[in-house]
N, C-alpha and C. Protein backbone atom coordinates (compact mmCIF):
# COMPACT_ATOMS: atom_id res chain seq x y z
N MET A 1 36.67 -6.44 -4.34
CA MET A 1 35.42 -7.25 -5.72
C MET A 1 34.28 -6.70 -4.93
N ALA A 2 33.25 -6.28 -5.53
CA ALA A 2 32.43 -5.74 -5.26
C ALA A 2 31.19 -6.68 -4.75
N GLN A 3 30.63 -6.82 -3.95
CA GLN A 3 29.37 -7.78 -3.39
C GLN A 3 27.85 -7.68 -4.85
N SER A 4 27.22 -8.75 -4.46
CA SER A 4 26.01 -7.98 -5.49
C SER A 4 24.93 -8.02 -4.60
N ILE A 5 23.80 -6.74 -4.90
CA ILE A 5 23.00 -6.79 -4.41
C ILE A 5 21.31 -7.73 -4.93
N GLN A 6 21.01 -8.67 -3.38
CA GLN A 6 20.00 -9.46 -4.03
C GLN A 6 18.63 -8.76 -3.15
N MET A 7 17.75 -9.42 -4.02
CA MET A 7 16.44 -8.44 -3.61
C MET A 7 15.83 -8.80 -1.96
N LYS A 8 16.21 -9.89 -1.63
CA LYS A 8 15.73 -11.15 -0.60
C LYS A 8 16.58 -10.02 0.35
N ASP A 9 18.05 -9.35 0.51
CA ASP A 9 18.82 -8.79 1.54
C ASP A 9 17.46 -7.75 1.81
N PHE A 10 16.17 -7.63 0.74
CA PHE A 10 15.35 -6.00 1.58
C PHE A 10 14.48 -6.48 1.29
N MET A 11 13.99 -7.18 1.08
CA MET A 11 11.93 -8.30 1.37
C MET A 11 11.43 -8.45 2.83
N SER A 12 10.58 -8.07 2.59
CA SER A 12 10.04 -7.89 3.93
C SER A 12 9.46 -9.51 4.33
N VAL A 13 10.00 -10.48 4.85
CA VAL A 13 9.46 -11.55 5.05
C VAL A 13 7.98 -11.76 5.84
N ASN A 14 7.38 -10.77 6.59
CA ASN A 14 6.10 -11.05 6.80
C ASN A 14 5.00 -9.65 6.04
N PRO A 15 5.11 -9.34 5.02
CA PRO A 15 4.49 -8.26 4.18
C PRO A 15 3.27 -7.89 5.11
N VAL A 16 2.92 -5.97 4.63
CA VAL A 16 1.90 -5.65 5.69
C VAL A 16 0.79 -6.21 4.19
N ILE A 17 -0.48 -6.52 4.72
CA ILE A 17 -1.48 -6.66 3.78
C ILE A 17 -2.27 -6.17 3.72
N LEU A 18 -3.07 -5.94 3.43
CA LEU A 18 -4.67 -5.46 2.61
C LEU A 18 -4.93 -5.40 2.13
N SER A 19 -7.02 -4.65 2.36
CA SER A 19 -7.05 -5.41 0.91
C SER A 19 -8.08 -3.89 0.55
N THR A 20 -8.62 -4.50 -0.44
CA THR A 20 -8.94 -3.20 -1.61
C THR A 20 -9.74 -2.67 -0.80
N GLU A 21 -11.59 -3.35 0.21
CA GLU A 21 -11.70 -2.25 1.54
C GLU A 21 -11.42 -1.51 2.69
N THR A 22 -10.06 -1.43 2.53
CA THR A 22 -9.60 -0.94 4.15
C THR A 22 -9.65 0.67 3.02
N SER A 23 -10.08 1.37 4.51
CA SER A 23 -10.28 2.81 4.51
C SER A 23 -8.83 3.12 5.01
N LEU A 24 -8.53 4.30 3.33
CA LEU A 24 -7.17 5.05 3.82
C LEU A 24 -7.45 5.25 4.47
N TYR A 25 -7.63 5.42 5.80
CA TYR A 25 -7.39 6.22 7.05
C TYR A 25 -6.42 5.17 7.86
N ASP A 26 -7.40 3.37 7.90
CA ASP A 26 -7.27 2.31 8.87
C ASP A 26 -5.85 2.84 8.21
N ALA A 27 -6.02 2.43 6.88
CA ALA A 27 -4.60 1.83 6.07
C ALA A 27 -3.03 3.38 6.34
N ILE A 28 -3.74 4.69 6.76
CA ILE A 28 -2.33 4.82 7.30
C ILE A 28 -2.33 4.66 8.72
N HIS A 29 -2.93 4.12 9.34
CA HIS A 29 -2.78 3.89 10.76
C HIS A 29 -2.15 3.17 10.91
N VAL A 30 -1.96 1.91 9.96
CA VAL A 30 -1.68 0.27 9.59
C VAL A 30 -0.32 1.20 9.59
N MET A 31 0.40 1.20 8.44
CA MET A 31 1.28 2.17 8.32
C MET A 31 2.22 2.62 8.55
N LEU A 32 1.66 3.50 9.99
CA LEU A 32 2.29 4.25 10.64
C LEU A 32 2.95 3.52 11.84
N GLU A 33 2.07 2.75 11.84
CA GLU A 33 2.41 1.69 13.33
C GLU A 33 2.67 0.41 12.77
N HIS A 34 3.81 0.21 11.47
CA HIS A 34 4.31 -0.29 11.11
C HIS A 34 6.16 0.52 10.70
N LYS A 35 5.90 1.75 11.35
CA LYS A 35 6.88 1.97 10.36
C LYS A 35 7.36 1.88 8.64
N ILE A 36 6.19 1.56 8.12
CA ILE A 36 6.57 1.24 6.48
C ILE A 36 5.90 1.96 5.69
N THR A 37 6.18 2.03 4.41
CA THR A 37 5.59 2.88 3.30
C THR A 37 5.15 2.90 2.19
N GLY A 38 4.83 1.41 2.51
CA GLY A 38 3.61 0.92 1.55
C GLY A 38 3.34 -0.18 2.08
N ALA A 39 2.11 -1.04 1.55
CA ALA A 39 1.48 -2.27 1.32
C ALA A 39 1.31 -3.25 0.57
N THR A 40 1.01 -4.56 0.47
CA THR A 40 0.32 -5.20 -0.14
C THR A 40 -0.95 -5.31 -0.49
N VAL A 41 -1.40 -5.21 -1.28
CA VAL A 41 -2.93 -5.41 -1.81
C VAL A 41 -3.72 -6.20 -2.14
N LEU A 42 -3.80 -7.76 -1.14
CA LEU A 42 -4.52 -9.20 -1.90
C LEU A 42 -6.34 -9.63 -2.16
N ASP A 43 -6.15 -9.86 -2.83
CA ASP A 43 -8.03 -10.78 -2.51
C ASP A 43 -8.20 -11.50 -1.24
N ASP A 44 -9.06 -12.02 -1.43
CA ASP A 44 -9.38 -13.09 -0.27
C ASP A 44 -8.47 -14.33 -0.91
N GLU A 45 -8.51 -14.75 -1.78
CA GLU A 45 -7.69 -16.03 -2.47
C GLU A 45 -6.29 -15.44 -2.76
N LYS A 46 -6.08 -14.40 -1.28
CA LYS A 46 -4.27 -14.25 -1.82
C LYS A 46 -3.70 -13.94 -2.90
N ASN A 47 -3.98 -13.40 -4.09
CA ASN A 47 -3.70 -12.62 -5.55
C ASN A 47 -3.13 -11.59 -5.15
N LEU A 48 -2.45 -11.04 -5.90
CA LEU A 48 -1.66 -9.96 -5.76
C LEU A 48 -3.03 -9.28 -6.58
N LEU A 49 -3.71 -7.83 -6.13
CA LEU A 49 -3.94 -7.49 -6.61
C LEU A 49 -3.27 -5.52 -7.37
N GLY A 50 -2.54 -4.83 -6.06
CA GLY A 50 -1.71 -3.75 -5.76
C GLY A 50 -0.62 -3.68 -5.21
N VAL A 51 0.11 -2.68 -5.12
CA VAL A 51 -0.43 -1.61 -3.50
C VAL A 51 0.04 -0.50 -3.30
N ILE A 52 0.36 -0.35 -2.25
CA ILE A 52 -0.26 1.28 -1.63
C ILE A 52 0.98 2.02 -1.02
N SER A 53 0.87 2.62 -1.59
CA SER A 53 2.25 3.83 -1.08
C SER A 53 2.18 4.66 -0.26
N GLU A 54 2.84 5.43 0.42
CA GLU A 54 2.59 6.35 1.01
C GLU A 54 2.26 7.79 -0.36
N VAL A 55 2.85 7.51 -1.41
CA VAL A 55 2.51 8.60 -2.19
C VAL A 55 1.08 8.68 -2.23
N ASP A 56 1.12 7.22 -3.17
CA ASP A 56 0.13 6.72 -3.05
C ASP A 56 -1.92 7.32 -2.30
N LEU A 57 -1.16 7.62 -0.82
CA LEU A 57 -2.55 7.62 0.03
C LEU A 57 -2.15 9.68 -0.12
N LEU A 58 -1.04 10.07 0.85
CA LEU A 58 -0.97 11.50 0.34
C LEU A 58 -1.91 11.94 -0.66
N ARG A 59 -1.75 11.51 -2.39
CA ARG A 59 -2.49 11.47 -3.27
C ARG A 59 -4.16 11.45 -3.03
N ALA A 60 -4.43 10.92 -2.10
CA ALA A 60 -5.87 9.99 -1.93
C ALA A 60 -6.57 10.91 -0.85
N VAL A 61 -5.85 11.67 0.03
CA VAL A 61 -5.80 12.68 1.24
C VAL A 61 -6.80 13.94 0.42
N GLU A 62 -5.74 14.46 -0.86
CA GLU A 62 -5.93 15.31 -1.39
C GLU A 62 -6.83 16.16 -2.26
N HIS A 63 -6.99 14.08 -1.88
CA HIS A 63 -7.92 14.70 -3.46
C HIS A 63 -9.40 14.91 -2.50
N ILE A 64 -9.34 13.63 -1.76
CA ILE A 64 -10.55 14.07 -1.43
C ILE A 64 -11.26 14.82 -0.20
N SER A 65 -9.59 15.50 0.32
CA SER A 65 -10.24 16.94 1.20
C SER A 65 -10.32 17.81 0.33
N TYR A 66 -9.97 17.62 -0.90
CA TYR A 66 -10.05 19.26 -1.77
C TYR A 66 -11.58 18.54 -2.10
N TYR A 67 -12.25 18.02 -2.36
CA TYR A 67 -13.57 17.45 -3.75
C TYR A 67 -14.68 16.70 -2.61
N ASN A 68 -14.03 16.99 -1.24
CA ASN A 68 -15.10 16.57 0.41
C ASN A 68 -15.69 15.62 0.38
N GLU A 69 -15.06 14.57 0.01
CA GLU A 69 -15.72 13.34 -0.57
C GLU A 69 -16.01 12.29 0.59
N GLY A 70 -14.92 12.41 1.97
CA GLY A 70 -15.18 11.82 3.37
C GLY A 70 -14.25 10.31 2.86
N ASP A 71 -14.69 9.23 3.57
CA ASP A 71 -13.06 8.49 3.51
C ASP A 71 -12.96 7.59 2.39
N GLY A 72 -12.01 7.27 2.03
CA GLY A 72 -12.16 6.41 0.62
C GLY A 72 -11.66 5.18 1.13
N LYS A 73 -11.50 4.11 -0.19
CA LYS A 73 -10.99 2.87 0.68
C LYS A 73 -8.96 2.85 -0.55
N VAL A 74 -8.23 1.42 -0.01
CA VAL A 74 -6.85 1.27 -0.76
C VAL A 74 -7.70 0.82 -2.36
N GLY A 75 -8.83 0.49 -2.45
CA GLY A 75 -8.71 -0.23 -3.55
C GLY A 75 -9.04 1.20 -4.99
N ASP A 76 -9.79 2.12 -4.19
CA ASP A 76 -9.67 3.65 -5.01
C ASP A 76 -8.40 4.01 -5.39
N TYR A 77 -7.00 3.47 -4.85
CA TYR A 77 -6.56 5.11 -5.13
C TYR A 77 -5.15 3.61 -4.69
N MET A 78 -5.15 2.34 -4.60
CA MET A 78 -4.03 1.34 -5.21
C MET A 78 -3.34 2.13 -6.46
N THR A 79 -2.26 1.34 -6.25
CA THR A 79 -1.23 0.99 -8.06
C THR A 79 -1.20 -0.12 -8.11
N THR A 80 -2.21 -0.35 -9.19
CA THR A 80 -2.89 -1.83 -9.55
C THR A 80 -1.06 -2.11 -10.93
N ASP A 81 -0.97 -1.04 -11.67
CA ASP A 81 0.59 -1.74 -12.36
C ASP A 81 1.74 -2.26 -11.83
N VAL A 82 1.97 -3.18 -11.50
CA VAL A 82 2.92 -4.01 -11.17
C VAL A 82 3.82 -4.94 -10.75
N GLU A 83 4.82 -5.60 -11.22
CA GLU A 83 5.30 -6.24 -11.59
C GLU A 83 6.87 -6.75 -10.97
N TYR A 84 6.37 -8.41 -10.83
CA TYR A 84 6.06 -9.91 -9.78
C TYR A 84 7.02 -10.87 -10.87
């Protein structure tokens, strides 16, 4: 008999939460520290604004390095088209 797969079996009970103002380098540090590949981005009222993934961060660092733009913010590079 096949077992059903439920989202709750894969969800984090205490997700890592970042703000749009978190620097990209701080986000990288937090994600490495927690050994995760993505983090939730919320506003001050705990509304979902998006997610930032390791792919988003790699693209952002590449963009910043290429254009010599310094440190970016999570809000500038996060994925905002999130279904929940």
